[in-house]
Amino acid sequence: MSRFFIFLISVFTSALCIASSSIDGWWKGRVALMPIVFHIEEHGDTLSGQLYSPTQTAEPIPLSHISIAGDTLLMRVDMLGVTYRGVVHNQPRSIKGTFTQGRQFGMTLTPATESDARLYRPQTPQPPYFYSISDVTFTNDPLTLAATVTTPVTTAPAGAIVLVSGSGSQNRDEEILGHKPFAVIADFLTRCGWTVLRYDDRGVGGSSIGSHTDTTFDFATDALAATRYLRRDSALKGKPIGILGHSEGGTIAMINAAEYPDEIDFIISLAGPAIKGIDLMVRQNEMIAENGGIHTSPARRDSLYEAFSGIADIADTDSLKQFLRQKLASLSPNPSALENTINQVTTPWYHTFVALDPAEYLTRIKCPMLALNGLWDIQVEAGPNLQAISRAVPNATVKALPGLNHMFQESASKAASFNYGSIQQTISPTVLDIIADFLVELSRQRK
């Protein structure tokens, strides 16, 4: 579930005159504990620059305006509503001012380096890898999907695993905020003796662009095509091939396990939704609000449930938009923000996801299954989703893991666990060890 991330907007650069004191270079500060970095460049009599928010995105955001008059510096990113106004000091070298984005925050900028703008992700695999890496393509007619396959070289593979990402268009590493969880998982599992395939979602990287009507069920066929591609590898003949899915990818694993029991030998769900989409989304909205200190009243809960029920039941887009304008007006006083939300939730994908009831598939799963959820996950709540799996798939291995969020990161508190980018860890080693133990037991049982 990754459709809530911000700060990915590009705008044009402009500049005015420069004061005699040079401000060329890298500058860093903090807004409400969040690091902010500016890179300012002097070009003769003009200035240009970029803003970096390293815990939110690895991409620079061009400034729409930068100027200096006397010792006062002004920088803006208009499309984000960001303004910084500060006074330049030479002893010590600093810029003291105010950062404004809705609210005002005092922020002092001090000299920095390019490394301050980079995300620190210590688990991201680095060479040497000690396994084979191949970039491949496979087809799901008429689409071509680009992938990376990692294969053990010191021993025959124990089997193979296809990694399936969560909602939203993501690359083969499921990259988000500088984290590459699928790269970390693939590296770990390949070192454990398994072949791993991870692929770019439709329209990302080297994969074909899909249709605007694509839904979870269309994406499920991509995962199935990936397993069929691996079946053609002679080194995997007679070996187990399964799917590991994160978030929506976990639901996709469940769908394929139920629909194609002869082709899917096992599945691993990492925070995979297992309850009705309506209930999932209502609870997700409640938990996110609660994490921000906002209590959801019974009236607000009823409005959310009615809105998500409408998304699931009303097929005509125009009728659905009008319905949502009436239901959500009291929940979103900003008309522009309301329209943006309505446009996002009236797509075929969203309609299908909210209407989906995984129970229709869970009861038909016969293969070995591992399901993990973090107890600090405020997108896919651990309790009801794991309980649904336990009831429907009695033989599944089900674990609720304390202190882990939706990305299975460890954090200092539940409130802080939602800030995925500010956490250096990509995925808890505990999760990797549990997956490895499950695969060892799977191999033992198949002998």
Protein backbone atom coordinates (compact mmCIF):
# COMPACT_ATOMS: atom_id res chain seq x y z
CA MET A 1 0.00 0.00 0.00
CA SER A 2 1.97 2.92 -1.17
CA ARG A 3 -0.45 5.48 -2.58
CA PHE A 4 0.04 8.17 0.03
CA PHE A 5 3.58 9.42 -0.59
CA ILE A 6 4.20 13.12 -1.37
CA PHE A 7 7.01 15.49 -2.37
CA LEU A 8 7.52 14.29 -5.98
CA ILE A 9 6.82 17.47 -7.90
CA SER A 10 9.03 19.18 -10.52
CA VAL A 11 8.87 22.91 -11.28
CA PHE A 12 10.97 25.42 -13.17
CA THR A 13 13.95 27.31 -11.76
CA SER A 14 14.24 31.10 -11.69
CA ALA A 15 16.66 33.44 -9.96
CA LEU A 16 17.40 37.08 -9.18
CA CYS A 17 20.46 38.97 -8.02
CA ILE A 18 23.21 37.67 -5.73
CA ALA A 19 24.67 39.39 -2.71
CA SER A 20 28.40 39.72 -2.25
CA SER A 21 28.50 36.91 0.34
CA SER A 22 28.61 33.55 -1.45
CA ILE A 23 25.92 31.02 -0.58
CA ASP A 24 26.97 28.55 -3.27
CA GLY A 25 27.00 24.96 -2.06
CA TRP A 26 25.10 22.53 0.17
CA TRP A 27 23.02 23.56 3.19
CA LYS A 28 21.13 21.44 5.71
CA GLY A 29 18.50 21.98 8.39
CA ARG A 30 15.59 20.25 10.11
CA VAL A 31 11.84 20.81 10.11
CA ALA A 32 10.03 18.97 12.91
CA LEU A 33 12.96 16.50 13.11
CA MET A 34 12.81 15.91 9.32
CA PRO A 35 16.07 16.68 7.48
CA ILE A 36 15.92 19.27 4.69
CA VAL A 37 18.84 19.92 2.33
CA PHE A 38 19.28 22.71 -0.21
CA HIS A 39 21.83 22.75 -3.01
CA ILE A 40 22.42 26.31 -4.22
CA GLU A 41 24.41 27.11 -7.35
CA GLU A 42 25.72 30.50 -8.40
CA HIS A 43 25.89 31.15 -12.16
CA GLY A 44 27.40 34.59 -12.61
CA ASP A 45 24.65 36.94 -11.53
CA THR A 46 21.97 34.32 -11.13
CA LEU A 47 21.09 31.59 -8.65
CA SER A 48 19.44 28.22 -9.04
CA GLY A 49 18.91 25.35 -6.64
CA GLN A 50 17.20 22.20 -5.52
CA LEU A 51 15.48 21.07 -2.35
CA TYR A 52 16.08 17.58 -1.00
CA SER A 53 13.95 15.80 1.56
CA PRO A 54 16.08 12.67 1.99
CA THR A 55 13.65 10.82 4.25
CA GLN A 56 10.84 11.29 1.70
CA THR A 57 12.45 10.96 -1.71
CA ALA A 58 15.83 10.40 -3.28
CA GLU A 59 14.96 12.83 -6.10
CA PRO A 60 15.86 16.55 -5.96
CA ILE A 61 13.01 19.05 -6.21
CA PRO A 62 13.94 22.13 -8.29
CA LEU A 63 13.32 25.49 -6.67
CA SER A 64 10.78 27.63 -8.50
CA HIS A 65 12.40 30.81 -7.14
CA ILE A 66 15.59 31.80 -5.34
CA SER A 67 16.84 35.32 -4.71
CA ILE A 68 18.92 37.28 -2.23
CA ALA A 69 18.58 40.95 -1.33
CA GLY A 70 21.25 42.26 0.96
CA ASP A 71 21.69 39.46 3.47
CA THR A 72 18.14 38.05 3.16
CA LEU A 73 17.66 34.84 1.16
CA LEU A 74 14.30 33.79 -0.26
CA MET A 75 13.61 30.32 -1.73
CA ARG A 76 10.29 28.85 -2.89
CA VAL A 77 8.86 25.65 -4.29
CA ASP A 78 5.49 27.00 -5.36
CA MET A 79 3.73 23.74 -6.21
CA LEU A 80 4.53 22.39 -2.74
CA GLY A 81 3.58 25.61 -1.00
CA VAL A 82 7.10 25.78 0.47
CA THR A 83 8.85 29.05 1.32
CA TYR A 84 12.13 29.59 3.15
CA ARG A 85 13.24 33.09 4.15
CA GLY A 86 16.47 33.52 6.10
CA VAL A 87 19.31 35.85 6.96
CA VAL A 88 22.82 34.89 5.86
CA HIS A 89 25.54 34.97 8.55
CA ASN A 90 29.26 34.58 7.92
CA GLN A 91 30.61 33.97 11.46
CA PRO A 92 29.80 31.17 11.82
CA ARG A 93 28.54 30.48 8.33
CA SER A 94 24.78 29.87 8.58
CA ILE A 95 21.37 30.99 7.35
CA LYS A 96 18.80 31.61 10.09
CA GLY A 97 15.18 31.84 9.06
CA THR A 98 11.71 30.37 8.73
CA PHE A 99 10.47 27.39 6.72
CA THR A 100 6.80 27.67 5.78
CA GLN A 101 4.54 24.94 4.43
CA GLY A 102 1.08 25.55 5.83
CA ARG A 103 2.70 26.16 9.22
CA GLN A 104 5.86 28.09 10.07
CA PHE A 105 8.95 26.42 11.51
CA GLY A 106 12.16 28.05 12.62
CA MET A 107 15.04 26.51 10.65
CA THR A 108 18.75 27.30 10.65
CA LEU A 109 20.74 26.11 7.67
CA THR A 110 24.37 25.14 8.17
CA PRO A 111 27.00 24.03 5.63
CA ALA A 112 26.55 20.47 4.39
CA THR A 113 27.85 18.05 1.78
CA GLU A 114 26.19 16.09 -0.99
CA SER A 115 26.13 13.02 1.25
CA ASP A 116 23.65 14.80 3.54
CA ALA A 117 21.13 14.69 0.70
CA ARG A 118 21.53 10.97 0.22
CA LEU A 119 19.49 8.31 1.93
CA TYR A 120 21.44 5.94 4.15
CA ARG A 121 20.23 2.41 3.54
CA PRO A 122 22.79 0.02 5.08
CA GLN A 123 20.96 -3.17 4.04
CA THR A 124 20.93 -2.43 0.31
CA PRO A 125 23.06 -5.21 -1.26
CA GLN A 126 26.49 -4.25 -2.51
CA PRO A 127 28.97 -6.30 -4.59
CA PRO A 128 30.47 -8.82 -4.51
CA TYR A 129 27.24 -10.81 -4.56
CA PHE A 130 28.49 -14.45 -4.68
CA TYR A 131 25.54 -15.50 -6.85
CA SER A 132 24.50 -15.16 -10.48
CA ILE A 133 22.49 -12.11 -11.56
CA SER A 134 20.60 -12.09 -14.87
CA ASP A 135 18.35 -9.43 -16.35
CA VAL A 136 15.57 -11.22 -18.24
CA THR A 137 12.16 -10.63 -19.77
CA PHE A 138 9.08 -12.82 -19.73
CA THR A 139 5.72 -12.40 -21.41
CA ASN A 140 2.16 -12.16 -20.24
CA ASP A 141 0.61 -11.71 -23.65
CA PRO A 142 0.58 -9.03 -24.93
CA LEU A 143 2.86 -7.58 -22.25
CA THR A 144 6.58 -8.02 -21.79
CA LEU A 145 7.80 -7.73 -18.20
CA ALA A 146 11.41 -7.01 -17.27
CA ALA A 147 12.95 -8.81 -14.34
CA THR A 148 16.09 -9.74 -12.46
CA VAL A 149 16.77 -13.38 -11.59
CA THR A 150 19.33 -14.21 -8.90
CA THR A 151 20.59 -17.79 -8.75
CA PRO A 152 22.92 -19.64 -6.35
CA VAL A 153 26.22 -20.66 -7.96
CA THR A 154 27.77 -22.92 -5.34
CA THR A 155 24.86 -25.36 -5.15
CA ALA A 156 21.75 -26.35 -7.06
CA PRO A 157 18.78 -24.13 -6.14
CA ALA A 158 16.40 -25.50 -3.54
CA GLY A 159 13.53 -23.94 -5.49
CA ALA A 160 12.40 -20.56 -6.72
CA ILE A 161 10.43 -17.59 -5.44
CA VAL A 162 8.66 -14.80 -7.35
CA LEU A 163 8.47 -11.47 -5.50
CA VAL A 164 5.27 -9.45 -6.03
CA SER A 165 5.06 -5.84 -4.92
CA GLY A 166 2.32 -3.90 -3.19
CA SER A 167 -0.11 -1.43 -4.71
CA GLY A 168 1.12 1.31 -6.98
CA SER A 169 3.59 1.20 -9.84
CA GLN A 170 6.90 0.02 -8.45
CA ASN A 171 10.16 -1.26 -9.83
CA ARG A 172 11.57 -4.73 -9.31
CA ASP A 173 13.20 -3.71 -6.03
CA GLU A 174 9.85 -2.40 -4.71
CA GLU A 175 11.81 0.80 -4.19
CA ILE A 176 10.23 3.37 -1.92
CA LEU A 177 11.88 6.33 -0.20
CA GLY A 178 15.31 4.96 -1.03
CA HIS A 179 14.53 1.56 0.45
CA LYS A 180 14.84 -1.50 -1.81
CA PRO A 181 13.14 -4.27 0.19
CA PHE A 182 12.94 -6.74 -2.69
CA ALA A 183 16.64 -6.31 -3.43
CA VAL A 184 17.35 -7.10 0.23
CA ILE A 185 14.99 -10.10 0.27
CA ALA A 186 16.33 -11.47 -3.03
CA ASP A 187 19.92 -11.13 -1.84
CA PHE A 188 19.16 -12.92 1.43
CA LEU A 189 17.12 -15.77 -0.07
CA THR A 190 19.58 -16.37 -2.90
CA ARG A 191 22.36 -16.68 -0.35
CA CYS A 192 20.08 -19.23 1.36
CA GLY A 193 20.08 -21.29 -1.82
CA TRP A 194 16.93 -20.15 -3.63
CA THR A 195 16.47 -18.71 -7.11
CA VAL A 196 14.56 -15.42 -6.88
CA LEU A 197 12.76 -13.49 -9.63
CA ARG A 198 11.67 -9.90 -9.07
CA TYR A 199 10.09 -7.82 -11.84
CA ASP A 200 9.15 -4.27 -12.76
CA ASP A 201 5.44 -3.57 -12.50
CA ARG A 202 3.53 -2.66 -15.65
CA GLY A 203 4.71 0.66 -17.05
CA VAL A 204 7.81 0.79 -14.83
CA GLY A 205 11.45 0.29 -15.84
CA GLY A 206 11.67 -2.16 -18.71
CA SER A 207 8.11 -3.51 -18.49
CA SER A 208 5.32 -2.82 -20.96
CA ILE A 209 2.68 -0.24 -20.14
CA GLY A 210 -0.61 -1.81 -19.15
CA SER A 211 -4.12 -0.41 -19.38
CA HIS A 212 -5.85 2.22 -17.25
CA THR A 213 -8.41 -0.49 -16.48
CA ASP A 214 -5.87 -2.88 -14.92
CA THR A 215 -6.91 -4.36 -11.57
CA THR A 216 -5.52 -6.69 -8.93
CA PHE A 217 -6.68 -9.64 -11.01
CA ASP A 218 -4.68 -8.43 -14.03
CA PHE A 219 -1.59 -8.05 -11.85
CA ALA A 220 -2.15 -11.57 -10.54
CA THR A 221 -1.69 -12.88 -14.09
CA ASP A 222 1.73 -11.19 -14.20
CA ALA A 223 2.83 -13.08 -11.10
CA LEU A 224 1.53 -16.33 -12.56
CA ALA A 225 3.41 -15.67 -15.81
CA ALA A 226 6.59 -15.19 -13.77
CA THR A 227 6.19 -18.59 -12.11
CA ARG A 228 5.58 -20.20 -15.50
CA TYR A 229 8.75 -18.59 -16.82
CA LEU A 230 10.72 -20.18 -13.98
CA ARG A 231 9.11 -23.57 -14.64
CA ARG A 232 10.95 -23.66 -17.97
CA ASP A 233 14.33 -23.63 -16.21
CA SER A 234 15.72 -27.18 -16.23
CA ALA A 235 17.63 -26.46 -13.01
CA LEU A 236 14.26 -26.03 -11.27
CA LYS A 237 12.64 -29.19 -12.58
CA GLY A 238 10.83 -30.90 -9.71
CA LYS A 239 11.71 -28.04 -7.33
CA PRO A 240 9.09 -25.98 -5.44
CA ILE A 241 8.18 -22.63 -6.96
CA GLY A 242 6.15 -20.13 -4.97
CA ILE A 243 5.17 -16.49 -4.58
CA LEU A 244 6.20 -14.00 -1.90
CA GLY A 245 3.95 -10.95 -1.98
CA HIS A 246 4.00 -7.75 0.02
CA SER A 247 0.74 -5.95 0.80
CA GLU A 248 -1.46 -6.24 -2.33
CA GLY A 249 1.16 -8.70 -3.57
CA GLY A 250 0.22 -10.95 -0.65
CA THR A 251 -3.38 -10.98 -1.81
CA ILE A 252 -2.17 -11.76 -5.33
CA ALA A 253 -0.27 -14.74 -3.92
CA MET A 254 -3.47 -15.95 -2.25
CA ILE A 255 -5.48 -15.58 -5.46
CA ASN A 256 -2.97 -17.56 -7.50
CA ALA A 257 -2.60 -20.28 -4.86
CA ALA A 258 -6.36 -20.78 -4.90
CA GLU A 259 -6.86 -20.57 -8.65
CA TYR A 260 -3.78 -22.56 -9.73
CA PRO A 261 -3.08 -25.12 -7.01
CA ASP A 262 -1.07 -27.32 -9.38
CA GLU A 263 1.32 -24.49 -10.24
CA ILE A 264 1.89 -22.66 -6.96
CA ASP A 265 3.77 -24.81 -4.45
CA PHE A 266 3.80 -22.33 -1.55
CA ILE A 267 3.06 -18.70 -0.76
CA ILE A 268 4.42 -16.12 1.65
CA SER A 269 2.26 -13.12 2.56
CA LEU A 270 3.94 -10.06 4.04
CA ALA A 271 1.13 -7.83 5.31
CA GLY A 272 -1.22 -9.19 2.66
CA PRO A 273 -4.84 -7.99 3.03
CA ALA A 274 -7.06 -10.94 3.94
CA ILE A 275 -10.30 -9.17 4.93
CA LYS A 276 -12.88 -7.41 2.77
CA GLY A 277 -11.50 -4.36 1.01
CA ILE A 278 -14.21 -2.12 2.46
CA ASP A 279 -13.32 -3.12 6.03
CA LEU A 280 -9.60 -2.87 5.30
CA MET A 281 -9.80 0.69 3.96
CA VAL A 282 -12.12 1.98 6.69
CA ARG A 283 -9.80 0.63 9.35
CA GLN A 284 -6.73 1.94 7.52
CA ASN A 285 -8.18 5.46 7.48
CA GLU A 286 -9.01 5.17 11.19
CA MET A 287 -5.52 3.97 12.12
CA ILE A 288 -3.73 6.65 10.11
CA ALA A 289 -5.90 9.32 11.74
CA GLU A 290 -5.30 7.84 15.19
CA ASN A 291 -1.56 7.82 14.53
CA GLY A 292 -1.84 11.55 13.94
CA GLY A 293 -3.74 12.05 17.18
CA ILE A 294 -7.21 12.30 15.59
CA HIS A 295 -9.98 10.17 17.09
CA THR A 296 -12.49 8.73 14.61
CA SER A 297 -16.01 9.43 15.82
CA PRO A 298 -18.85 6.97 15.18
CA ALA A 299 -20.34 9.46 12.68
CA ARG A 300 -17.05 9.73 10.79
CA ARG A 301 -16.68 5.94 10.79
CA ASP A 302 -20.18 5.59 9.35
CA SER A 303 -19.38 8.14 6.64
CA LEU A 304 -16.20 6.29 5.72
CA TYR A 305 -18.03 2.96 5.56
CA GLU A 306 -20.76 4.41 3.36
CA ALA A 307 -18.17 6.00 1.07
CA PHE A 308 -16.16 2.79 0.64
CA SER A 309 -19.34 0.78 0.18
CA GLY A 310 -20.27 3.16 -2.63
CA ILE A 311 -16.84 2.73 -4.22
CA ALA A 312 -17.36 -1.04 -4.19
CA ASP A 313 -20.98 -1.03 -5.38
CA ILE A 314 -21.48 1.89 -7.79
CA ALA A 315 -20.18 0.97 -11.23
CA ASP A 316 -20.92 4.24 -13.08
CA THR A 317 -18.01 6.62 -12.52
CA ASP A 318 -20.00 9.86 -12.79
CA SER A 319 -22.63 8.60 -10.37
CA LEU A 320 -19.93 7.44 -7.97
CA LYS A 321 -18.16 10.81 -8.05
CA GLN A 322 -21.38 12.64 -7.26
CA PHE A 323 -22.11 10.20 -4.44
CA LEU A 324 -18.64 10.73 -2.95
CA ARG A 325 -18.88 14.52 -3.15
CA GLN A 326 -21.96 14.33 -0.95
CA LYS A 327 -20.56 11.76 1.48
CA LEU A 328 -17.06 13.19 1.86
CA ALA A 329 -17.78 16.93 1.87
CA SER A 330 -17.85 17.03 5.67
CA LEU A 331 -14.63 15.00 5.94
CA SER A 332 -12.60 17.19 3.57
CA PRO A 333 -13.28 20.94 3.81
CA ASN A 334 -10.78 21.66 0.99
CA PRO A 335 -12.71 21.33 -2.34
CA SER A 336 -9.55 20.88 -4.40
CA ALA A 337 -8.21 18.16 -2.11
CA LEU A 338 -11.62 16.49 -2.15
CA GLU A 339 -11.67 16.34 -5.96
CA ASN A 340 -8.14 14.92 -6.04
CA THR A 341 -9.19 12.21 -3.58
CA ILE A 342 -12.32 11.39 -5.57
CA ASN A 343 -10.32 11.05 -8.79
CA GLN A 344 -7.92 8.66 -7.07
CA VAL A 345 -10.60 6.39 -5.62
CA THR A 346 -12.82 6.08 -8.70
CA THR A 347 -10.39 4.11 -10.85
CA PRO A 348 -11.09 0.49 -11.90
CA TRP A 349 -8.18 -0.69 -9.72
CA TYR A 350 -9.52 1.04 -6.62
CA HIS A 351 -13.08 -0.17 -7.22
CA THR A 352 -11.87 -3.76 -7.57
CA PHE A 353 -9.56 -3.58 -4.55
CA VAL A 354 -12.29 -2.21 -2.26
CA ALA A 355 -14.84 -4.75 -3.52
CA LEU A 356 -12.46 -7.70 -3.20
CA ASP A 357 -13.11 -10.30 -0.51
CA PRO A 358 -10.03 -12.54 -0.08
CA ALA A 359 -12.16 -15.08 1.83
CA GLU A 360 -13.33 -16.33 -1.56
CA TYR A 361 -9.77 -17.54 -2.20
CA LEU A 362 -8.39 -18.30 1.26
CA THR A 363 -10.62 -21.31 1.83
CA ARG A 364 -9.28 -22.92 -1.35
CA ILE A 365 -5.59 -22.63 -0.46
CA LYS A 366 -4.03 -26.05 0.11
CA CYS A 367 -0.32 -25.33 -0.34
CA PRO A 368 2.04 -24.38 2.54
CA MET A 369 1.54 -20.76 3.54
CA LEU A 370 3.43 -18.28 5.72
CA ALA A 371 1.66 -15.06 6.72
CA LEU A 372 3.42 -12.27 8.63
CA ASN A 373 2.17 -8.89 9.84
CA GLY A 374 3.74 -6.22 12.00
CA LEU A 375 1.80 -5.19 15.08
CA TRP A 376 2.65 -1.55 14.33
CA ASP A 377 1.27 -1.78 10.80
CA ILE A 378 -1.30 1.02 10.39
CA GLN A 379 -2.14 0.15 6.79
CA VAL A 380 -3.00 -3.55 7.05
CA GLU A 381 -3.91 -4.24 10.66
CA ALA A 382 -2.31 -7.43 11.93
CA GLY A 383 -5.11 -8.80 14.13
CA PRO A 384 -8.12 -9.11 11.81
CA ASN A 385 -6.09 -10.03 8.73
CA LEU A 386 -4.08 -12.80 10.41
CA GLN A 387 -7.21 -14.08 12.12
CA ALA A 388 -8.95 -14.35 8.74
CA ILE A 389 -6.03 -16.39 7.40
CA SER A 390 -5.91 -18.65 10.47
CA ARG A 391 -9.63 -19.41 10.21
CA ALA A 392 -9.59 -20.12 6.48
CA VAL A 393 -6.18 -21.82 6.18
CA PRO A 394 -5.71 -23.85 9.39
CA ASN A 395 -2.34 -25.22 8.31
CA ALA A 396 -0.87 -21.79 7.56
CA THR A 397 2.02 -20.52 9.66
CA VAL A 398 0.81 -17.17 11.00
CA LYS A 399 2.87 -14.70 13.02
CA ALA A 400 2.20 -11.20 14.38
CA LEU A 401 5.52 -9.45 14.95
CA PRO A 402 5.89 -6.82 17.68
CA GLY A 403 7.38 -3.44 16.88
CA LEU A 404 7.25 -3.78 13.07
CA ASN A 405 5.40 -1.52 10.63
CA HIS A 406 3.86 -2.16 7.21
CA MET A 407 7.32 -2.32 5.63
CA PHE A 408 8.50 -4.65 8.42
CA GLN A 409 10.93 -2.06 9.76
CA GLU A 410 11.79 -1.70 13.42
CA SER A 411 11.20 1.77 14.86
CA ALA A 412 11.40 3.60 18.16
CA SER A 413 7.62 3.91 18.58
CA LYS A 414 4.35 3.12 16.85
CA ALA A 415 3.82 6.81 16.09
CA ALA A 416 7.23 7.03 14.40
CA SER A 417 6.81 3.74 12.55
CA PHE A 418 4.72 5.39 9.81
CA ASN A 419 7.69 7.54 8.74
CA TYR A 420 9.22 4.84 6.54
CA GLY A 421 11.81 7.10 4.97
CA SER A 422 13.27 8.31 8.27
CA ILE A 423 14.04 4.71 9.34
CA GLN A 424 17.44 3.49 8.13
CA GLN A 425 16.52 -0.19 8.32
CA THR A 426 14.86 -1.58 5.20
CA ILE A 427 13.49 -4.81 6.69
CA SER A 428 13.92 -6.49 10.06
CA PRO A 429 16.38 -9.42 10.08
CA THR A 430 13.80 -11.26 12.20
CA VAL A 431 11.46 -11.34 9.21
CA LEU A 432 14.17 -12.69 6.94
CA ASP A 433 15.02 -15.42 9.44
CA ILE A 434 11.36 -16.48 9.76
CA ILE A 435 11.08 -16.74 5.96
CA ALA A 436 14.29 -18.79 5.82
CA ASP A 437 13.01 -21.15 8.55
CA PHE A 438 9.74 -21.63 6.66
CA LEU A 439 11.62 -22.50 3.47
CA VAL A 440 13.92 -24.94 5.30
CA GLU A 441 10.87 -26.73 6.72
CA LEU A 442 9.22 -26.70 3.29
CA SER A 443 12.26 -28.40 1.75
CA ARG A 444 12.41 -30.93 4.58
CA GLN A 445 8.76 -31.90 4.12
CA ARG A 446 9.17 -32.36 0.35
CA LYS A 447 12.03 -34.87 0.72
